[in-house]
Amino acid sequence: MSDSSKLTLIKELIESAQAGLQSAKQLLTEMGATSSGTGKKKAYSKLAAKIETGNEIEEDNIVEGVFNGETMSDKKGKEYPVPANYASKSKLIPGDVLKLTINPDGSFLYKQIGPTERKRVIGILTYEDGQYKVIANGKAYKVLLASVTYFKGEVGDKITLIIPEHKESQWGAIENVLPKDDGELILE
């Protein structure tokens, strides 16, 4: 292994260790501030309450809400399951506004109607506590398993991640897995 390869590996190990510490700090903060998770649920409900539509929706089978990383929260705080494959394929991130049509047969049809502002970061894919995460800018962002499997991601891969531009988020959407070159990651 060349010296530059060793330096790259050392850098990745340090970033992973820092990300692990950051994740631990984040978990402690969450446990102290919102141990039941209701704080975040209320925050997305408040965002959903601010949704303004061009015309009032009078149909009982249409609901608008805000994506929180896993589900959609409506104005009243009710959560609706968003299929992971749809969220992954559509590259949904927390803050995106969705419209849900509940069909007469009970099936759900989602449509993204208001994407939140986005930015891209590059990080390393990790797996801890039963959850895939991307470590970028010293923070661990959760990602959907459906995205990891779709892009055939592996722990240690370099990932392009989409996150909200102006809001703090625990979640991100995988945009791409960056290619490897002869077993080494291509570094910029």
N, C-alpha and C. Protein backbone atom coordinates (compact mmCIF):
# COMPACT_ATOMS: atom_id res chain seq x y z
N MET A 1 0.85 -1.17 0.00
CA MET A 1 0.00 0.00 0.00
C MET A 1 0.90 1.23 0.00
N SER A 2 0.62 2.15 -0.90
CA SER A 2 1.44 3.35 -1.01
C SER A 2 1.16 4.31 0.14
N ASP A 3 2.09 5.27 0.33
CA ASP A 3 1.92 6.25 1.40
C ASP A 3 0.66 7.08 1.19
N SER A 4 0.36 7.44 -0.05
CA SER A 4 -0.84 8.25 -0.30
C SER A 4 -2.11 7.44 0.01
N SER A 5 -2.07 6.13 -0.28
CA SER A 5 -3.21 5.27 0.05
C SER A 5 -3.39 5.16 1.56
N LYS A 6 -2.27 5.05 2.28
CA LYS A 6 -2.33 4.99 3.74
C LYS A 6 -2.88 6.29 4.31
N LEU A 7 -2.43 7.42 3.75
CA LEU A 7 -2.93 8.71 4.23
C LEU A 7 -4.43 8.84 3.98
N THR A 8 -4.88 8.38 2.82
CA THR A 8 -6.31 8.43 2.51
C THR A 8 -7.09 7.58 3.48
N LEU A 9 -6.60 6.38 3.77
CA LEU A 9 -7.27 5.49 4.71
C LEU A 9 -7.30 6.10 6.11
N ILE A 10 -6.20 6.68 6.54
CA ILE A 10 -6.14 7.33 7.86
C ILE A 10 -7.15 8.46 7.94
N LYS A 11 -7.21 9.26 6.88
CA LYS A 11 -8.16 10.38 6.84
C LYS A 11 -9.59 9.86 6.97
N GLU A 12 -9.92 8.80 6.24
CA GLU A 12 -11.27 8.24 6.29
C GLU A 12 -11.58 7.67 7.68
N LEU A 13 -10.60 7.02 8.31
CA LEU A 13 -10.81 6.48 9.65
C LEU A 13 -11.04 7.58 10.67
N ILE A 14 -10.30 8.68 10.56
CA ILE A 14 -10.49 9.82 11.46
C ILE A 14 -11.87 10.42 11.27
N GLU A 15 -12.28 10.60 10.00
CA GLU A 15 -13.61 11.15 9.71
C GLU A 15 -14.70 10.24 10.27
N SER A 16 -14.51 8.95 10.13
CA SER A 16 -15.50 7.99 10.64
C SER A 16 -15.58 8.06 12.16
N ALA A 17 -14.44 8.16 12.83
CA ALA A 17 -14.42 8.26 14.28
C ALA A 17 -15.09 9.55 14.74
N GLN A 18 -14.78 10.66 14.05
CA GLN A 18 -15.41 11.94 14.39
C GLN A 18 -16.92 11.86 14.19
N ALA A 19 -17.33 11.21 13.12
CA ALA A 19 -18.75 11.08 12.83
C ALA A 19 -19.45 10.25 13.91
N GLY A 20 -18.77 9.22 14.37
CA GLY A 20 -19.33 8.39 15.44
C GLY A 20 -19.53 9.20 16.71
N LEU A 21 -18.56 10.03 17.05
CA LEU A 21 -18.69 10.89 18.22
C LEU A 21 -19.82 11.90 18.02
N GLN A 22 -19.90 12.46 16.82
CA GLN A 22 -20.95 13.42 16.52
C GLN A 22 -22.32 12.75 16.63
N SER A 23 -22.44 11.52 16.14
CA SER A 23 -23.70 10.78 16.24
C SER A 23 -24.08 10.55 17.69
N ALA A 24 -23.10 10.20 18.51
CA ALA A 24 -23.35 9.97 19.93
C ALA A 24 -23.83 11.26 20.60
N LYS A 25 -23.19 12.38 20.28
CA LYS A 25 -23.61 13.67 20.83
C LYS A 25 -25.02 14.01 20.38
N GLN A 26 -25.30 13.74 19.12
CA GLN A 26 -26.63 14.02 18.57
C GLN A 26 -27.70 13.19 19.29
N LEU A 27 -27.40 11.93 19.52
CA LEU A 27 -28.35 11.07 20.24
C LEU A 27 -28.59 11.56 21.66
N LEU A 28 -27.52 11.99 22.34
CA LEU A 28 -27.68 12.52 23.69
C LEU A 28 -28.55 13.77 23.68
N THR A 29 -28.33 14.63 22.71
CA THR A 29 -29.13 15.86 22.59
C THR A 29 -30.60 15.51 22.36
N GLU A 30 -30.84 14.57 21.45
CA GLU A 30 -32.21 14.16 21.15
C GLU A 30 -32.89 13.56 22.38
N MET A 31 -32.17 12.77 23.14
CA MET A 31 -32.74 12.13 24.32
C MET A 31 -33.12 13.17 25.37
N GLY A 32 -32.29 14.18 25.50
CA GLY A 32 -32.57 15.21 26.49
C GLY A 32 -33.67 16.15 26.05
N ALA A 33 -33.67 16.52 24.78
CA ALA A 33 -34.62 17.53 24.30
C ALA A 33 -35.96 16.93 23.90
N THR A 34 -35.92 15.81 23.19
CA THR A 34 -37.16 15.24 22.69
C THR A 34 -37.11 13.73 22.83
N SER A 35 -37.15 13.26 24.07
CA SER A 35 -37.01 11.82 24.30
C SER A 35 -38.12 11.02 23.65
N SER A 36 -39.30 11.60 23.48
CA SER A 36 -40.39 10.85 22.88
C SER A 36 -40.49 11.08 21.38
N GLY A 37 -39.73 12.03 20.85
CA GLY A 37 -39.79 12.32 19.43
C GLY A 37 -40.92 13.26 19.06
N THR A 38 -41.72 13.70 20.04
CA THR A 38 -42.87 14.55 19.73
C THR A 38 -42.44 15.93 19.29
N GLY A 39 -41.29 16.40 19.73
CA GLY A 39 -40.82 17.73 19.34
C GLY A 39 -40.61 17.84 17.85
N LYS A 40 -39.97 16.85 17.25
CA LYS A 40 -39.74 16.88 15.82
C LYS A 40 -41.05 16.70 15.06
N LYS A 41 -41.93 15.85 15.57
CA LYS A 41 -43.22 15.63 14.94
C LYS A 41 -44.00 16.94 14.89
N LYS A 42 -44.00 17.68 16.01
CA LYS A 42 -44.69 18.96 16.05
C LYS A 42 -44.06 19.97 15.10
N ALA A 43 -42.74 19.94 14.97
CA ALA A 43 -42.06 20.88 14.08
C ALA A 43 -42.51 20.67 12.64
N TYR A 44 -42.62 19.42 12.20
CA TYR A 44 -43.05 19.17 10.82
C TYR A 44 -44.53 19.48 10.65
N SER A 45 -45.34 19.29 11.69
CA SER A 45 -46.75 19.66 11.62
C SER A 45 -46.89 21.17 11.47
N LYS A 46 -46.04 21.93 12.19
CA LYS A 46 -46.07 23.39 12.07
C LYS A 46 -45.69 23.81 10.65
N LEU A 47 -44.69 23.14 10.07
CA LEU A 47 -44.34 23.44 8.67
C LEU A 47 -45.51 23.13 7.75
N ALA A 48 -46.18 22.01 7.99
CA ALA A 48 -47.32 21.63 7.15
C ALA A 48 -48.45 22.64 7.28
N ALA A 49 -48.62 23.22 8.47
CA ALA A 49 -49.68 24.20 8.67
C ALA A 49 -49.45 25.46 7.86
N LYS A 50 -48.20 25.71 7.48
CA LYS A 50 -47.87 26.90 6.70
C LYS A 50 -48.05 26.71 5.20
N ILE A 51 -48.39 25.50 4.79
CA ILE A 51 -48.56 25.23 3.36
C ILE A 51 -49.72 26.05 2.85
N GLU A 52 -49.45 26.80 1.81
CA GLU A 52 -50.51 27.59 1.19
C GLU A 52 -50.74 27.03 -0.20
N THR A 53 -51.97 26.70 -0.48
CA THR A 53 -52.31 26.20 -1.80
C THR A 53 -53.04 27.29 -2.55
N GLY A 54 -53.01 27.22 -3.86
CA GLY A 54 -53.69 28.19 -4.69
C GLY A 54 -55.18 28.18 -4.46
N ASN A 55 -55.74 27.02 -4.20
CA ASN A 55 -57.17 26.92 -3.89
C ASN A 55 -57.32 25.92 -2.75
N GLU A 56 -58.32 26.14 -1.95
CA GLU A 56 -58.55 25.24 -0.83
C GLU A 56 -58.96 23.87 -1.35
N ILE A 57 -58.39 22.86 -0.78
CA ILE A 57 -58.71 21.49 -1.17
C ILE A 57 -59.97 21.07 -0.44
N GLU A 58 -61.01 20.77 -1.19
CA GLU A 58 -62.28 20.41 -0.58
C GLU A 58 -62.49 18.91 -0.54
N GLU A 59 -61.68 18.19 -1.25
CA GLU A 59 -61.85 16.75 -1.30
C GLU A 59 -61.26 16.11 -0.05
N ASP A 60 -62.00 15.16 0.51
CA ASP A 60 -61.54 14.48 1.71
C ASP A 60 -60.40 13.51 1.42
N ASN A 61 -60.21 13.17 0.16
CA ASN A 61 -59.21 12.16 -0.18
C ASN A 61 -57.86 12.76 -0.55
N ILE A 62 -57.67 14.07 -0.35
CA ILE A 62 -56.39 14.71 -0.66
C ILE A 62 -55.84 15.36 0.61
N VAL A 63 -54.58 15.05 0.90
CA VAL A 63 -53.93 15.58 2.09
C VAL A 63 -52.58 16.15 1.67
N GLU A 64 -52.24 17.32 2.21
CA GLU A 64 -50.92 17.89 1.97
C GLU A 64 -50.15 17.88 3.28
N GLY A 65 -48.84 17.70 3.14
CA GLY A 65 -48.01 17.65 4.33
C GLY A 65 -46.54 17.82 4.00
N VAL A 66 -45.71 17.65 5.01
CA VAL A 66 -44.27 17.85 4.88
C VAL A 66 -43.55 16.54 5.19
N PHE A 67 -42.61 16.18 4.33
CA PHE A 67 -41.80 14.98 4.51
C PHE A 67 -40.79 15.23 5.62
N ASN A 68 -40.63 14.24 6.52
CA ASN A 68 -39.70 14.41 7.64
C ASN A 68 -38.49 13.48 7.58
N GLY A 69 -38.34 12.76 6.49
CA GLY A 69 -37.23 11.81 6.36
C GLY A 69 -37.72 10.39 6.20
N GLU A 70 -38.89 10.11 6.80
CA GLU A 70 -39.48 8.78 6.71
C GLU A 70 -40.98 8.83 6.40
N THR A 71 -41.68 9.80 6.97
CA THR A 71 -43.12 9.89 6.80
C THR A 71 -43.51 11.31 6.40
N MET A 72 -44.82 11.50 6.11
CA MET A 72 -45.34 12.83 5.82
C MET A 72 -46.23 13.24 6.98
N SER A 73 -46.03 14.45 7.51
CA SER A 73 -46.86 14.98 8.59
C SER A 73 -47.81 16.02 8.01
N ASP A 74 -49.11 15.91 8.34
CA ASP A 74 -50.06 16.90 7.85
C ASP A 74 -50.20 18.03 8.87
N LYS A 75 -51.10 18.97 8.58
CA LYS A 75 -51.29 20.16 9.42
C LYS A 75 -51.73 19.82 10.83
N LYS A 76 -52.39 18.70 11.01
CA LYS A 76 -52.90 18.31 12.32
C LYS A 76 -51.93 17.40 13.08
N GLY A 77 -50.80 17.10 12.48
CA GLY A 77 -49.81 16.25 13.14
C GLY A 77 -49.96 14.78 12.83
N LYS A 78 -50.93 14.42 12.00
CA LYS A 78 -51.10 13.02 11.63
C LYS A 78 -50.00 12.64 10.64
N GLU A 79 -49.44 11.45 10.83
CA GLU A 79 -48.37 10.99 9.96
C GLU A 79 -48.88 9.94 8.99
N TYR A 80 -48.37 10.01 7.77
CA TYR A 80 -48.73 9.07 6.71
C TYR A 80 -47.45 8.40 6.22
N PRO A 81 -47.49 7.08 6.03
CA PRO A 81 -46.28 6.38 5.57
C PRO A 81 -45.95 6.74 4.13
N VAL A 82 -44.69 7.06 3.88
CA VAL A 82 -44.21 7.32 2.53
C VAL A 82 -43.36 6.12 2.13
N PRO A 83 -43.71 5.44 1.02
CA PRO A 83 -42.92 4.28 0.61
C PRO A 83 -41.44 4.66 0.42
N ALA A 84 -40.56 3.85 1.01
CA ALA A 84 -39.13 4.13 0.93
C ALA A 84 -38.64 4.17 -0.51
N ASN A 85 -39.19 3.31 -1.37
CA ASN A 85 -38.76 3.32 -2.77
C ASN A 85 -39.11 4.64 -3.45
N TYR A 86 -40.31 5.19 -3.14
CA TYR A 86 -40.70 6.47 -3.72
C TYR A 86 -39.81 7.59 -3.19
N ALA A 87 -39.59 7.62 -1.88
CA ALA A 87 -38.76 8.65 -1.27
C ALA A 87 -37.34 8.59 -1.82
N SER A 88 -36.85 7.37 -2.02
CA SER A 88 -35.50 7.18 -2.54
C SER A 88 -35.40 7.62 -4.00
N LYS A 89 -36.32 7.14 -4.81
CA LYS A 89 -36.31 7.45 -6.24
C LYS A 89 -36.50 8.95 -6.48
N SER A 90 -37.37 9.57 -5.67
CA SER A 90 -37.66 11.00 -5.83
C SER A 90 -36.64 11.87 -5.11
N LYS A 91 -35.73 11.25 -4.36
CA LYS A 91 -34.70 11.96 -3.60
C LYS A 91 -35.31 13.00 -2.67
N LEU A 92 -36.33 12.54 -1.94
CA LEU A 92 -37.00 13.42 -0.99
C LEU A 92 -36.11 13.70 0.21
N ILE A 93 -36.18 14.94 0.69
CA ILE A 93 -35.44 15.32 1.90
C ILE A 93 -36.41 16.02 2.85
N PRO A 94 -36.08 16.06 4.14
CA PRO A 94 -36.96 16.72 5.09
C PRO A 94 -37.26 18.16 4.67
N GLY A 95 -38.53 18.51 4.76
CA GLY A 95 -38.97 19.84 4.37
C GLY A 95 -39.70 19.86 3.04
N ASP A 96 -39.57 18.80 2.23
CA ASP A 96 -40.28 18.73 0.96
C ASP A 96 -41.78 18.65 1.22
N VAL A 97 -42.56 19.40 0.44
CA VAL A 97 -44.02 19.39 0.58
C VAL A 97 -44.59 18.34 -0.38
N LEU A 98 -45.48 17.50 0.15
CA LEU A 98 -46.08 16.42 -0.63
C LEU A 98 -47.59 16.55 -0.65
N LYS A 99 -48.19 16.04 -1.72
CA LYS A 99 -49.64 15.92 -1.79
C LYS A 99 -49.94 14.43 -1.86
N LEU A 100 -50.83 13.98 -1.00
CA LEU A 100 -51.23 12.58 -0.95
C LEU A 100 -52.67 12.47 -1.41
N THR A 101 -52.89 11.65 -2.43
CA THR A 101 -54.24 11.32 -2.87
C THR A 101 -54.54 9.91 -2.40
N ILE A 102 -55.62 9.79 -1.63
CA ILE A 102 -56.04 8.47 -1.15
C ILE A 102 -57.13 7.99 -2.12
N ASN A 103 -56.80 6.98 -2.90
CA ASN A 103 -57.71 6.46 -3.91
C ASN A 103 -58.87 5.69 -3.28
N PRO A 104 -59.97 5.54 -4.02
CA PRO A 104 -61.14 4.82 -3.49
C PRO A 104 -60.81 3.39 -3.02
N ASP A 105 -59.78 2.77 -3.63
CA ASP A 105 -59.41 1.42 -3.21
C ASP A 105 -58.49 1.41 -1.98
N GLY A 106 -58.19 2.61 -1.44
CA GLY A 106 -57.36 2.71 -0.25
C GLY A 106 -55.88 2.88 -0.54
N SER A 107 -55.49 2.84 -1.79
CA SER A 107 -54.08 3.01 -2.12
C SER A 107 -53.68 4.49 -2.04
N PHE A 108 -52.42 4.72 -1.76
CA PHE A 108 -51.89 6.08 -1.61
C PHE A 108 -51.11 6.45 -2.85
N LEU A 109 -51.28 7.68 -3.31
CA LEU A 109 -50.52 8.21 -4.43
C LEU A 109 -49.91 9.54 -3.99
N TYR A 110 -48.58 9.56 -3.90
CA TYR A 110 -47.87 10.77 -3.46
C TYR A 110 -47.36 11.54 -4.67
N LYS A 111 -47.29 12.86 -4.49
CA LYS A 111 -46.67 13.72 -5.50
C LYS A 111 -45.95 14.84 -4.76
N GLN A 112 -44.70 15.06 -5.15
CA GLN A 112 -43.93 16.15 -4.55
C GLN A 112 -44.39 17.46 -5.20
N ILE A 113 -44.88 18.39 -4.38
CA ILE A 113 -45.40 19.64 -4.94
C ILE A 113 -44.59 20.87 -4.52
N GLY A 114 -43.70 20.70 -3.57
CA GLY A 114 -42.92 21.84 -3.11
C GLY A 114 -41.58 21.42 -2.56
N PRO A 115 -40.60 21.23 -3.44
CA PRO A 115 -39.28 20.84 -2.92
C PRO A 115 -38.65 21.97 -2.10
N THR A 116 -38.02 21.60 -1.00
CA THR A 116 -37.30 22.57 -0.19
C THR A 116 -35.95 22.85 -0.88
N GLU A 117 -35.31 23.96 -0.52
CA GLU A 117 -34.01 24.28 -1.12
C GLU A 117 -33.00 23.23 -0.68
N ARG A 118 -32.13 22.85 -1.62
CA ARG A 118 -31.21 21.75 -1.41
C ARG A 118 -29.76 22.19 -1.59
N LYS A 119 -28.89 21.39 -0.98
CA LYS A 119 -27.45 21.51 -1.26
C LYS A 119 -26.87 20.10 -1.27
N ARG A 120 -25.73 19.97 -1.87
CA ARG A 120 -25.07 18.67 -1.97
C ARG A 120 -23.78 18.69 -1.16
N VAL A 121 -23.55 17.56 -0.49
CA VAL A 121 -22.31 17.36 0.25
C VAL A 121 -21.78 15.98 -0.10
N ILE A 122 -20.51 15.79 0.14
CA ILE A 122 -19.90 14.48 -0.12
C ILE A 122 -19.47 13.89 1.21
N GLY A 123 -19.79 12.61 1.41
CA GLY A 123 -19.45 11.95 2.66
C GLY A 123 -19.19 10.47 2.47
N ILE A 124 -18.98 9.79 3.57
CA ILE A 124 -18.66 8.36 3.57
C ILE A 124 -19.84 7.59 4.15
N LEU A 125 -20.24 6.50 3.47
CA LEU A 125 -21.33 5.66 3.94
C LEU A 125 -20.87 4.79 5.09
N THR A 126 -21.66 4.80 6.18
CA THR A 126 -21.36 3.98 7.36
C THR A 126 -22.63 3.22 7.76
N TYR A 127 -22.47 2.30 8.68
CA TYR A 127 -23.61 1.55 9.21
C TYR A 127 -23.39 1.39 10.70
N GLU A 128 -24.32 1.95 11.49
CA GLU A 128 -24.21 1.82 12.94
C GLU A 128 -25.60 1.80 13.55
N ASP A 129 -25.74 1.03 14.59
CA ASP A 129 -27.02 0.92 15.31
C ASP A 129 -28.18 0.55 14.39
N GLY A 130 -27.92 -0.32 13.41
CA GLY A 130 -28.97 -0.79 12.52
C GLY A 130 -29.44 0.25 11.51
N GLN A 131 -28.65 1.29 11.25
CA GLN A 131 -29.05 2.37 10.36
C GLN A 131 -27.87 2.78 9.48
N TYR A 132 -28.14 2.89 8.17
CA TYR A 132 -27.12 3.45 7.28
C TYR A 132 -27.08 4.95 7.47
N LYS A 133 -25.87 5.50 7.46
CA LYS A 133 -25.67 6.94 7.61
C LYS A 133 -24.54 7.38 6.68
N VAL A 134 -24.58 8.64 6.31
CA VAL A 134 -23.49 9.24 5.55
C VAL A 134 -22.87 10.31 6.44
N ILE A 135 -21.55 10.19 6.62
CA ILE A 135 -20.82 11.14 7.44
C ILE A 135 -20.28 12.22 6.51
N ALA A 136 -20.77 13.46 6.71
CA ALA A 136 -20.33 14.57 5.87
C ALA A 136 -20.26 15.82 6.73
N ASN A 137 -19.22 16.59 6.56
CA ASN A 137 -19.03 17.84 7.30
C ASN A 137 -19.13 17.63 8.80
N GLY A 138 -18.63 16.50 9.30
CA GLY A 138 -18.62 16.23 10.74
C GLY A 138 -19.97 15.86 11.33
N LYS A 139 -20.95 15.53 10.48
CA LYS A 139 -22.27 15.17 10.96
C LYS A 139 -22.71 13.87 10.29
N ALA A 140 -23.49 13.08 11.02
CA ALA A 140 -24.02 11.83 10.49
C ALA A 140 -25.46 12.06 10.03
N TYR A 141 -25.73 11.81 8.75
CA TYR A 141 -27.06 11.93 8.18
C TYR A 141 -27.61 10.54 7.91
N LYS A 142 -28.82 10.26 8.41
CA LYS A 142 -29.46 8.98 8.14
C LYS A 142 -29.88 8.95 6.67
N VAL A 143 -29.81 7.76 6.06
CA VAL A 143 -30.28 7.56 4.69
C VAL A 143 -31.14 6.30 4.65
N LEU A 144 -32.04 6.27 3.70
CA LEU A 144 -32.95 5.13 3.57
C LEU A 144 -32.22 3.91 3.03
N LEU A 145 -32.55 2.75 3.59
CA LEU A 145 -32.00 1.49 3.11
C LEU A 145 -32.30 1.31 1.62
N ALA A 146 -33.49 1.73 1.18
CA ALA A 146 -33.86 1.60 -0.23
C ALA A 146 -32.88 2.33 -1.13
N SER A 147 -32.38 3.49 -0.69
CA SER A 147 -31.40 4.24 -1.48
C SER A 147 -30.06 3.52 -1.54
N VAL A 148 -29.66 2.97 -0.40
CA VAL A 148 -28.37 2.26 -0.35
C VAL A 148 -28.42 1.05 -1.29
N THR A 149 -29.51 0.29 -1.24
CA THR A 149 -29.59 -0.90 -2.09
C THR A 149 -29.75 -0.52 -3.57
N TYR A 150 -30.52 0.54 -3.85
CA TYR A 150 -30.70 0.96 -5.24
C TYR A 150 -29.37 1.35 -5.88
N PHE A 151 -28.56 2.09 -5.14
CA PHE A 151 -27.28 2.55 -5.68
C PHE A 151 -26.15 1.53 -5.44
N LYS A 152 -26.51 0.38 -4.83
CA LYS A 152 -25.54 -0.67 -4.53
C LYS A 152 -24.38 -0.13 -3.69
N GLY A 153 -24.74 0.69 -2.69
CA GLY A 153 -23.74 1.29 -1.82
C GLY A 153 -23.19 0.28 -0.83
N GLU A 154 -21.94 0.48 -0.47
CA GLU A 154 -21.27 -0.35 0.52
C GLU A 154 -20.61 0.55 1.55
N VAL A 155 -20.52 0.07 2.78
CA VAL A 155 -19.87 0.83 3.83
C VAL A 155 -18.48 1.24 3.35
N GLY A 156 -18.15 2.50 3.52
CA GLY A 156 -16.86 3.03 3.08
C GLY A 156 -16.94 3.75 1.74
N ASP A 157 -18.05 3.59 1.01
CA ASP A 157 -18.20 4.27 -0.28
C ASP A 157 -18.33 5.77 -0.06
N LYS A 158 -17.85 6.51 -1.03
CA LYS A 158 -17.99 7.96 -1.04
C LYS A 158 -19.32 8.28 -1.70
N ILE A 159 -20.14 9.10 -1.05
CA ILE A 159 -21.52 9.35 -1.45
C ILE A 159 -21.75 10.84 -1.70
N THR A 160 -22.51 11.16 -2.76
CA THR A 160 -23.03 12.51 -2.93
C THR A 160 -24.40 12.51 -2.26
N LEU A 161 -24.58 13.38 -1.27
CA LEU A 161 -25.79 13.42 -0.46
C LEU A 161 -26.49 14.75 -0.65
N ILE A 162 -27.82 14.70 -0.75
CA ILE A 162 -28.63 15.91 -0.84
C ILE A 162 -29.23 16.16 0.54
N ILE A 163 -29.06 17.39 1.04
CA ILE A 163 -29.60 17.77 2.34
C ILE A 163 -30.29 19.12 2.21
N PRO A 164 -31.14 19.49 3.18
CA PRO A 164 -31.76 20.81 3.13
C PRO A 164 -30.72 21.92 3.20
N GLU A 165 -30.92 22.95 2.40
CA GLU A 165 -29.99 24.07 2.33
C GLU A 165 -29.95 24.88 3.63
N HIS A 166 -31.11 25.20 4.19
CA HIS A 166 -31.16 26.15 5.30
C HIS A 166 -31.67 25.56 6.60
N LYS A 167 -31.98 24.28 6.64
CA LYS A 167 -32.53 23.69 7.86
C LYS A 167 -31.62 22.58 8.35
N GLU A 168 -31.58 22.41 9.69
CA GLU A 168 -30.87 21.27 10.25
C GLU A 168 -31.69 20.02 9.97
N SER A 169 -31.01 18.95 9.66
CA SER A 169 -31.71 17.71 9.33
C SER A 169 -30.91 16.52 9.81
N GLN A 170 -31.63 15.48 10.20
CA GLN A 170 -30.98 14.21 10.53
C GLN A 170 -30.92 13.31 9.31
N TRP A 171 -31.66 13.66 8.26
CA TRP A 171 -31.80 12.81 7.08
C TRP A 171 -31.24 13.49 5.83
N GLY A 172 -30.81 12.68 4.90
CA GLY A 172 -30.40 13.14 3.59
C GLY A 172 -30.82 12.11 2.55
N ALA A 173 -30.70 12.49 1.29
CA ALA A 173 -31.04 11.58 0.19
C ALA A 173 -29.79 11.31 -0.64
N ILE A 174 -29.54 10.05 -0.90
CA ILE A 174 -28.38 9.69 -1.72
C ILE A 174 -28.65 10.10 -3.17
N GLU A 175 -27.72 10.86 -3.74
CA GLU A 175 -27.83 11.22 -5.15
C GLU A 175 -27.00 10.26 -6.00
N ASN A 176 -25.80 9.93 -5.52
CA ASN A 176 -24.92 9.03 -6.26
C ASN A 176 -23.89 8.40 -5.34
N VAL A 177 -23.39 7.25 -5.77
CA VAL A 177 -22.20 6.65 -5.17
C VAL A 177 -21.07 6.98 -6.12
N LEU A 178 -20.04 7.63 -5.61
CA LEU A 178 -18.93 8.05 -6.47
C LEU A 178 -18.08 6.83 -6.85
N PRO A 179 -17.59 6.83 -8.08
CA PRO A 179 -16.84 5.65 -8.56
C PRO A 179 -15.50 5.48 -7.86
N LYS A 180 -15.09 4.22 -7.81
CA LYS A 180 -13.78 3.87 -7.26
C LYS A 180 -12.83 3.66 -8.43
N ASP A 181 -11.55 3.87 -8.18
CA ASP A 181 -10.54 3.69 -9.20
C ASP A 181 -9.50 2.70 -8.69
N ASP A 182 -9.50 1.50 -9.26
CA ASP A 182 -8.54 0.46 -8.87
C ASP A 182 -8.55 0.20 -7.36
N GLY A 183 -9.74 0.14 -6.81
CA GLY A 183 -9.85 -0.16 -5.39
C GLY A 183 -9.68 1.05 -4.49
N GLU A 184 -9.30 2.18 -5.05
CA GLU A 184 -9.12 3.40 -4.27
C GLU A 184 -10.23 4.37 -4.63
N LEU A 185 -10.67 5.13 -3.66
CA LEU A 185 -11.65 6.15 -3.95
C LEU A 185 -10.99 7.29 -4.72
N ILE A 186 -11.72 7.84 -5.66
CA ILE A 186 -11.23 8.99 -6.39
C ILE A 186 -11.41 10.20 -5.50
N LEU A 187 -10.32 10.87 -5.17
CA LEU A 187 -10.37 12.04 -4.30
C LEU A 187 -10.20 13.28 -5.13
N GLU A 188 -10.89 14.33 -4.72
CA GLU A 188 -10.80 15.58 -5.46
C GLU A 188 -9.59 16.37 -5.06
